[in-house]
C-alpha atoms as a PDB file:
ATOM      1  CA  MET A   1      39.168  61.352 226.064  1.00  0.00           C
ATOM      2  CA  ASN A   2      38.298  58.043 227.840  1.00  0.00           C
ATOM      3  CA  LYS A   3      40.698  55.422 228.495  1.00  0.00           C
ATOM      4  CA  ASN A   4      38.727  52.851 229.892  1.00  0.00           C
ATOM      5  CA  ILE A   5      39.507  49.300 229.298  1.00  0.00           C
ATOM      6  CA  ILE A   6      36.787  46.976 227.711  1.00  0.00           C
ATOM      7  CA  PHE A   7      36.522  43.282 226.818  1.00  0.00           C
ATOM      8  CA  GLY A   8      34.808  41.860 223.863  1.00  0.00           C
ATOM      9  CA  LEU A   9      34.510  38.611 225.021  1.00  0.00           C
ATOM     10  CA  LEU A  10      33.680  35.182 223.348  1.00  0.00           C
ATOM     11  CA  GLY A  11      34.348  31.934 225.427  1.00  0.00           C
ATOM     12  CA  VAL A  12      37.423  32.329 227.802  1.00  0.00           C
ATOM     13  CA  LEU A  13      38.786  32.478 231.287  1.00  0.00           C
ATOM     14  CA  PHE A  14      40.651  35.225 232.482  1.00  0.00           C
ATOM     15  CA  THR A  15      42.686  36.680 235.272  1.00  0.00           C
ATOM     16  CA  PHE A  16      44.136  40.249 234.980  1.00  0.00           C
ATOM     17  CA  SER A  17      45.648  43.135 236.940  1.00  0.00           C
ATOM     18  CA  CYS A  18      46.690  46.665 236.285  1.00  0.00           C
ATOM     19  CA  MET A  19      49.816  48.595 237.443  1.00  0.00           C
ATOM     20  CA  ALA A  20      49.678  52.204 237.988  1.00  0.00           C
ATOM     21  CA  GLN A  21      52.480  54.605 237.750  1.00  0.00           C
ATOM     22  CA  GLU A  22      53.518  54.149 241.084  1.00  0.00           C
ATOM     23  CA  GLY A  23      54.326  50.675 240.232  1.00  0.00           C
ATOM     24  CA  ASN A  24      52.053  48.632 242.463  1.00  0.00           C
ATOM     25  CA  TRP A  25      49.936  45.981 240.849  1.00  0.00           C
ATOM     26  CA  ILE A  26      46.157  46.348 241.594  1.00  0.00           C
ATOM     27  CA  PRO A  27      43.956  43.165 241.040  1.00  0.00           C
ATOM     28  CA  LEU A  28      40.841  44.166 238.908  1.00  0.00           C
ATOM     29  CA  LEU A  29      38.847  41.040 239.416  1.00  0.00           C
ATOM     30  CA  ASP A  30      36.418  39.997 242.549  1.00  0.00           C
ATOM     31  CA  LYS A  31      33.694  37.690 242.398  1.00  0.00           C
ATOM     32  CA  GLU A  32      31.098  40.640 242.374  1.00  0.00           C
ATOM     33  CA  LEU A  33      32.759  42.362 239.319  1.00  0.00           C
ATOM     34  CA  THR A  34      32.591  45.574 241.519  1.00  0.00           C
ATOM     35  CA  TYR A  35      34.978  47.400 238.918  1.00  0.00           C
ATOM     36  CA  TRP A  36      33.003  46.535 236.068  1.00  0.00           C
ATOM     37  CA  ASP A  37      29.769  47.305 233.810  1.00  0.00           C
ATOM     38  CA  LEU A  38      28.578  44.856 231.633  1.00  0.00           C
ATOM     39  CA  PHE A  39      26.840  45.435 228.031  1.00  0.00           C
ATOM     40  CA  ILE A  40      25.133  42.559 226.684  1.00  0.00           C
ATOM     41  CA  GLY A  41      24.710  42.874 222.945  1.00  0.00           C
ATOM     42  CA  VAL A  42      22.228  41.354 220.492  1.00  0.00           C
ATOM     43  CA  PRO A  43      20.764  37.555 221.009  1.00  0.00           C
ATOM     44  CA  HIS A  44      21.059  35.363 218.210  1.00  0.00           C
ATOM     45  CA  HIS A  45      17.743  33.920 216.872  1.00  0.00           C
ATOM     46  CA  SER A  46      19.013  30.262 218.045  1.00  0.00           C
ATOM     47  CA  ILE A  47      19.542  31.332 221.634  1.00  0.00           C
ATOM     48  CA  THR A  48      17.011  29.537 223.970  1.00  0.00           C
ATOM     49  CA  GLY A  49      15.609  31.092 227.225  1.00  0.00           C
ATOM     50  CA  LEU A  50      15.133  34.096 225.899  1.00  0.00           C
ATOM     51  CA  GLU A  51      11.534  33.675 224.264  1.00  0.00           C
ATOM     52  CA  ASP A  52      10.037  36.990 225.475  1.00  0.00           C
ATOM     53  CA  LEU A  53      13.064  39.541 224.050  1.00  0.00           C
ATOM     54  CA  PRO A  54      13.825  40.400 220.814  1.00  0.00           C
ATOM     55  CA  LYS A  55      16.613  38.756 218.746  1.00  0.00           C
ATOM     56  CA  GLY A  56      18.670  39.143 215.940  1.00  0.00           C
ATOM     57  CA  ASP A  57      21.727  37.907 213.973  1.00  0.00           C
ATOM     58  CA  GLY A  58      24.063  38.489 216.697  1.00  0.00           C
ATOM     59  CA  LYS A  59      24.968  41.712 215.351  1.00  0.00           C
ATOM     60  CA  LYS A  60      21.916  43.557 214.239  1.00  0.00           C
ATOM     61  CA  GLY A  61      19.041  43.966 216.351  1.00  0.00           C
ATOM     62  CA  THR A  62      18.505  44.999 219.667  1.00  0.00           C
ATOM     63  CA  PRO A  63      21.068  44.615 222.400  1.00  0.00           C
ATOM     64  CA  LEU A  64      20.103  43.504 226.025  1.00  0.00           C
ATOM     65  CA  GLY A  65      22.072  46.545 227.434  1.00  0.00           C
ATOM     66  CA  LEU A  66      23.924  47.756 230.225  1.00  0.00           C
ATOM     67  CA  ASN A  67      24.185  45.027 233.312  1.00  0.00           C
ATOM     68  CA  ASN A  68      21.395  43.214 231.641  1.00  0.00           C
ATOM     69  CA  ASP A  69      22.812  39.590 231.717  1.00  0.00           C
ATOM     70  CA  PRO A  70      20.114  36.902 232.029  1.00  0.00           C
ATOM     71  CA  LEU A  71      22.050  34.180 230.549  1.00  0.00           C
ATOM     72  CA  ASN A  72      25.161  34.880 232.741  1.00  0.00           C
ATOM     73  CA  VAL A  73      27.547  35.743 230.013  1.00  0.00           C
ATOM     74  CA  PHE A  74      29.969  36.888 232.703  1.00  0.00           C
ATOM     75  CA  SER A  75      30.370  34.948 235.758  1.00  0.00           C
ATOM     76  CA  THR A  76      33.347  34.446 238.425  1.00  0.00           C
ATOM     77  CA  LYS A  77      34.660  31.637 240.040  1.00  0.00           C
ATOM     78  CA  ASP A  78      37.428  31.074 242.652  1.00  0.00           C
ATOM     79  CA  ILE A  79      40.480  28.716 241.354  1.00  0.00           C
ATOM     80  CA  ASP A  80      43.502  28.295 243.921  1.00  0.00           C
ATOM     81  CA  ASP A  81      42.421  31.281 245.767  1.00  0.00           C
ATOM     82  CA  GLU A  82      42.453  33.433 242.628  1.00  0.00           C
ATOM     83  CA  THR A  83      39.393  34.907 241.163  1.00  0.00           C
ATOM     84  CA  ILE A  84      38.694  33.877 237.586  1.00  0.00           C
ATOM     85  CA  LEU A  85      36.409  35.517 235.230  1.00  0.00           C
ATOM     86  CA  HIS A  86      34.411  33.196 232.734  1.00  0.00           C
ATOM     87  CA  MET A  87      32.970  34.448 229.702  1.00  0.00           C
ATOM     88  CA  SER A  88      30.503  32.106 228.061  1.00  0.00           C
ATOM     89  CA  GLY A  89      30.402  33.846 224.558  1.00  0.00           C
ATOM     90  CA  GLU A  90      26.902  33.056 223.962  1.00  0.00           C
ATOM     91  CA  ILE A  91      25.987  36.620 223.255  1.00  0.00           C
ATOM     92  CA  LEU A  92      28.483  39.486 221.853  1.00  0.00           C
ATOM     93  CA  SER A  93      29.105  41.428 225.068  1.00  0.00           C
ATOM     94  CA  GLY A  94      31.780  43.747 226.588  1.00  0.00           C
ATOM     95  CA  LEU A  95      32.779  44.362 230.120  1.00  0.00           C
ATOM     96  CA  THR A  96      33.832  47.893 230.795  1.00  0.00           C
ATOM     97  CA  SER A  97      35.830  49.241 233.697  1.00  0.00           C
ATOM     98  CA  LYS A  98      34.056  51.831 235.699  1.00  0.00           C
ATOM     99  CA  GLU A  99      37.253  53.751 236.386  1.00  0.00           C
ATOM    100  CA  GLU A 100      39.630  55.543 233.814  1.00  0.00           C
ATOM    101  CA  TYR A 101      43.148  54.493 233.551  1.00  0.00           C
ATOM    102  CA  GLU A 102      46.429  56.185 232.031  1.00  0.00           C
ATOM    103  CA  ASN A 103      50.233  55.669 232.561  1.00  0.00           C
ATOM    104  CA  TYR A 104      49.408  52.049 233.150  1.00  0.00           C
ATOM    105  CA  HIS A 105      50.468  48.435 232.352  1.00  0.00           C
ATOM    106  CA  LEU A 106      47.546  45.735 232.206  1.00  0.00           C
ATOM    107  CA  LYS A 107      48.486  42.253 232.611  1.00  0.00           C
ATOM    108  CA  LEU A 108      46.224  39.332 231.939  1.00  0.00           C
ATOM    109  CA  GLU A 109      46.152  35.674 231.181  1.00  0.00           C
ATOM    110  CA  PHE A 110      43.582  33.785 229.293  1.00  0.00           C
ATOM    111  CA  LYS A 111      42.605  30.325 228.409  1.00  0.00           C
ATOM    112  CA  TRP A 112      39.958  29.481 225.327  1.00  0.00           C
ATOM    113  CA  GLY A 113      36.760  27.469 226.324  1.00  0.00           C
ATOM    114  CA  GLU A 114      35.484  24.722 223.956  1.00  0.00           C
ATOM    115  CA  LYS A 115      31.779  25.943 223.585  1.00  0.00           C
ATOM    116  CA  LYS A 116      31.079  28.120 220.339  1.00  0.00           C
ATOM    117  CA  TRP A 117      27.663  29.357 219.415  1.00  0.00           C
ATOM    118  CA  ASP A 118      26.019  31.002 216.192  1.00  0.00           C
ATOM    119  CA  PRO A 119      26.856  33.190 214.398  1.00  0.00           C
ATOM    120  CA  ARG A 120      30.412  32.057 215.088  1.00  0.00           C
ATOM    121  CA  LEU A 121      30.368  28.395 214.983  1.00  0.00           C
ATOM    122  CA  ASN A 122      32.975  27.557 212.312  1.00  0.00           C
ATOM    123  CA  ALA A 123      34.866  30.976 213.079  1.00  0.00           C
ATOM    124  CA  LYS A 124      37.971  31.207 215.077  1.00  0.00           C
ATOM    125  CA  ARG A 125      37.617  31.743 218.819  1.00  0.00           C
ATOM    126  CA  ASP A 126      37.679  35.524 219.355  1.00  0.00           C
ATOM    127  CA  ASN A 127      37.909  38.014 222.009  1.00  0.00           C
ATOM    128  CA  GLY A 128      39.880  41.332 222.525  1.00  0.00           C
ATOM    129  CA  VAL A 129      41.164  44.094 225.067  1.00  0.00           C
ATOM    130  CA  LEU A 130      39.330  47.571 223.980  1.00  0.00           C
ATOM    131  CA  TYR A 131      40.978  50.530 225.187  1.00  0.00           C
ATOM    132  CA  HIS A 132      40.916  54.286 224.491  1.00  0.00           C
ATOM    133  CA  CYS A 133      37.314  53.953 224.736  1.00  0.00           C
ATOM    134  CA  ASN A 134      35.141  57.075 223.739  1.00  0.00           C
ATOM    135  CA  GLY A 135      31.261  57.665 223.398  1.00  0.00           C
ATOM    136  CA  SER A 136      28.708  55.189 223.996  1.00  0.00           C
ATOM    137  CA  ASP A 137      28.195  51.467 224.320  1.00  0.00           C
ATOM    138  CA  GLY A 138      27.010  49.409 221.508  1.00  0.00           C
ATOM    139  CA  ALA A 139      28.501  51.491 218.687  1.00  0.00           C
ATOM    140  CA  PHE A 140      30.595  48.696 217.105  1.00  0.00           C
ATOM    141  CA  TRP A 141      28.265  45.516 216.269  1.00  0.00           C
ATOM    142  CA  ASN A 142      25.611  46.802 219.078  1.00  0.00           C
ATOM    143  CA  ALA A 143      28.116  45.503 221.571  1.00  0.00           C
ATOM    144  CA  TRP A 144      31.412  47.420 222.025  1.00  0.00           C
ATOM    145  CA  ILE A 145      32.160  51.192 222.418  1.00  0.00           C
ATOM    146  CA  GLN A 146      34.357  52.979 219.876  1.00  0.00           C
ATOM    147  CA  SER A 147      38.097  52.178 220.616  1.00  0.00           C
ATOM    148  CA  GLN A 148      41.409  50.680 219.737  1.00  0.00           C
ATOM    149  CA  GLU A 149      41.359  46.761 220.050  1.00  0.00           C
ATOM    150  CA  PHE A 150      44.152  44.579 221.054  1.00  0.00           C
ATOM    151  CA  GLN A 151      43.077  41.464 219.165  1.00  0.00           C
ATOM    152  CA  ILE A 152      42.690  38.257 221.000  1.00  0.00           C
ATOM    153  CA  GLN A 153      41.949  35.809 218.523  1.00  0.00           C
ATOM    154  CA  GLU A 154      43.059  32.480 217.384  1.00  0.00           C
ATOM    155  CA  VAL A 155      46.808  32.872 215.569  1.00  0.00           C
ATOM    156  CA  ASP A 156      46.100  36.727 215.326  1.00  0.00           C
ATOM    157  CA  ILE A 157      46.669  37.617 219.046  1.00  0.00           C
ATOM    158  CA  GLY A 158      48.474  41.081 219.016  1.00  0.00           C
ATOM    159  CA  ASP A 159      46.703  42.637 215.667  1.00  0.00           C
ATOM    160  CA  ASN A 160      45.307  46.145 216.030  1.00  0.00           C
ATOM    161  CA  TYR A 161      41.675  47.314 215.140  1.00  0.00           C
ATOM    162  CA  GLY A 162      39.989  50.713 215.091  1.00  0.00           C
ATOM    163  CA  LEU A 163      36.483  49.983 215.801  1.00  0.00           C
ATOM    164  CA  ALA A 164      33.367  52.441 215.356  1.00  0.00           C
ATOM    165  CA  GLY A 165      35.624  54.831 213.402  1.00  0.00           C
ATOM    166  CA  ALA A 166      38.542  55.039 215.592  1.00  0.00           C
ATOM    167  CA  VAL A 167      41.664  55.833 213.956  1.00  0.00           C
ATOM    168  CA  ASN A 168      45.377  54.999 214.859  1.00  0.00           C
ATOM    169  CA  THR A 169      48.825  56.026 213.268  1.00  0.00           C
ATOM    170  CA  ILE A 170      51.010  52.961 213.278  1.00  0.00           C
ATOM    171  CA  LYS A 171      54.360  52.285 211.956  1.00  0.00           C
ATOM    172  CA  SER A 172      54.417  49.469 209.454  1.00  0.00           C
ATOM    173  CA  VAL A 173      54.821  47.909 205.966  1.00  0.00           C
ATOM    174  CA  LYS A 174      52.490  46.600 203.403  1.00  0.00           C
ATOM    175  CA  THR A 175      52.176  42.782 203.051  1.00  0.00           C
ATOM    176  CA  ASN A 176      51.757  41.346 199.800  1.00  0.00           C
ATOM    177  CA  ASP A 177      48.153  40.560 200.148  1.00  0.00           C
ATOM    178  CA  GLY A 178      47.484  44.550 200.824  1.00  0.00           C
ATOM    179  CA  PHE A 179      47.504  44.260 204.625  1.00  0.00           C
ATOM    180  CA  CYS A 180      49.638  46.412 206.915  1.00  0.00           C
ATOM    181  CA  ILE A 181      51.932  44.828 209.479  1.00  0.00           C
ATOM    182  CA  TYR A 182      53.777  46.417 212.494  1.00  0.00           C
ATOM    183  CA  ASP A 183      57.180  47.396 211.634  1.00  0.00           C
ATOM    184  CA  PRO A 184      59.155  49.914 214.040  1.00  0.00           C
ATOM    185  CA  GLU A 185      61.002  50.759 211.160  1.00  0.00           C
ATOM    186  CA  GLY A 186      58.205  51.157 208.925  1.00  0.00           C
ATOM    187  CA  ILE A 187      56.158  54.314 207.578  1.00  0.00           C
ATOM    188  CA  SER A 188      53.632  55.747 209.872  1.00  0.00           C
ATOM    189  CA  THR A 189      50.082  55.103 208.602  1.00  0.00           C
ATOM    190  CA  LYS A 190      46.550  55.704 209.657  1.00  0.00           C
ATOM    191  CA  LEU A 191      44.536  52.801 210.064  1.00  0.00           C
ATOM    192  CA  GLY A 192      41.156  52.158 211.492  1.00  0.00           C
ATOM    193  CA  THR A 193      37.618  51.323 210.378  1.00  0.00           C
ATOM    194  CA  ALA A 194      36.992  54.923 209.413  1.00  0.00           C
ATOM    195  CA  ILE A 195      40.099  55.282 206.964  1.00  0.00           C
ATOM    196  CA  GLN A 196      38.879  54.484 203.295  1.00  0.00           C
ATOM    197  CA  GLY A 197      40.861  51.436 201.738  1.00  0.00           C
ATOM    198  CA  GLU A 198      39.633  47.699 201.817  1.00  0.00           C
ATOM    199  CA  LYS A 199      42.271  46.749 204.241  1.00  0.00           C
ATOM    200  CA  LEU A 200      43.191  49.467 206.120  1.00  0.00           C
ATOM    201  CA  TYR A 201      41.370  48.942 209.029  1.00  0.00           C
ATOM    202  CA  ARG A 202      43.755  46.384 210.628  1.00  0.00           C
ATOM    203  CA  CYS A 203      47.467  46.331 211.556  1.00  0.00           C
ATOM    204  CA  ILE A 204      48.792  42.727 211.852  1.00  0.00           C
ATOM    205  CA  ARG A 205      51.071  41.840 214.695  1.00  0.00           C
ATOM    206  CA  LYS A 206      54.687  41.161 214.060  1.00  0.00           C
ATOM    207  CA  GLU A 207      54.908  37.883 215.727  1.00  0.00           C
ATOM    208  CA  ASN A 208      52.590  35.073 217.020  1.00  0.00           C
ATOM    209  CA  HIS A 209      53.509  34.042 220.427  1.00  0.00           C
ATOM    210  CA  GLU A 210      50.260  32.339 221.139  1.00  0.00           C
ATOM    211  CA  ASN A 211      50.179  29.101 223.638  1.00  0.00           C
ATOM    212  CA  PRO A 212      47.589  26.534 222.904  1.00  0.00           C
ATOM    213  CA  MET A 213      47.234  26.415 226.596  1.00  0.00           C
ATOM    214  CA  LEU A 214      47.624  29.524 228.531  1.00  0.00           C
ATOM    215  CA  ASN A 215      48.399  33.296 227.376  1.00  0.00           C
ATOM    216  CA  GLY A 216      49.771  36.011 228.976  1.00  0.00           C
ATOM    217  CA  ILE A 217      49.444  39.470 227.590  1.00  0.00           C
ATOM    218  CA  LEU A 218      51.250  42.697 229.073  1.00  0.00           C
ATOM    219  CA  LEU A 219      49.660  45.709 227.433  1.00  0.00           C
ATOM    220  CA  ASN A 220      51.328  49.157 227.539  1.00  0.00           C
ATOM    221  CA  TRP A 221      49.438  51.627 225.538  1.00  0.00           C
ATOM    222  CA  CYS A 222      51.924  54.319 225.924  1.00  0.00           C
ATOM    223  CA  ALA A 223      54.462  52.118 223.827  1.00  0.00           C
ATOM    224  CA  LEU A 224      51.968  50.532 221.407  1.00  0.00           C
ATOM    225  CA  MET A 225      49.982  53.940 220.406  1.00  0.00           C
ATOM    226  CA  GLU A 226      50.895  57.066 218.618  1.00  0.00           C
ATOM    227  CA  ASN A 227      49.302  60.100 217.492  1.00  0.00           C
ATOM    228  CA  LEU A 228      45.755  58.434 218.217  1.00  0.00           C
ATOM    229  CA  THR A 229      42.531  59.967 217.413  1.00  0.00           C
ATOM    230  CA  THR A 230      39.096  59.277 217.294  1.00  0.00           C
ATOM    231  CA  SER A 231      37.074  60.686 214.643  1.00  0.00           C
END
């Protein structure tokens, strides 16, 4: 099973690093994005500058594909001697680690941008850290691989989703509206897009720690996940 890290991205600034089992933090960003592959999804029909390429509704259609980023959805800049990743969010896309990691901590900080694009002009700003990735690019919305998602969305940071058929067992309790919310004393429940049930694709985080200016996340998959399956 692959454990690549992938980011599904919509208009943010990121800085992030990984700490291996030995306890040393390893920066994962450089100016050339040496440690990453890009997968660019389906351009929305409202996008200009890609007149010779097929377009769609942002999800359905033909993705631009691997390391084909004509609009520079992904770029880097140096701020205070630190490399920062900028994602425009113009096309649903993923940034996938070339290496595989296990027994690690992933630390990152991010800040939302202001620009929004179709088809999410009136939606919350949305992003995600996808991990335990398996299979081929584009399995979900023609942009992302089968994986577990650590949700990074306005007011929903920390929710869990199983994308493209990924399943996870999470201790949780049911809310009044039928969703599951994480509870370490709750019942182990299988959740993910492959589970039948209207609201079983998601586990809601227990608390909201979002800062409107800058956010830091420490993701330890060993602590968050149990009995993971990908079918």
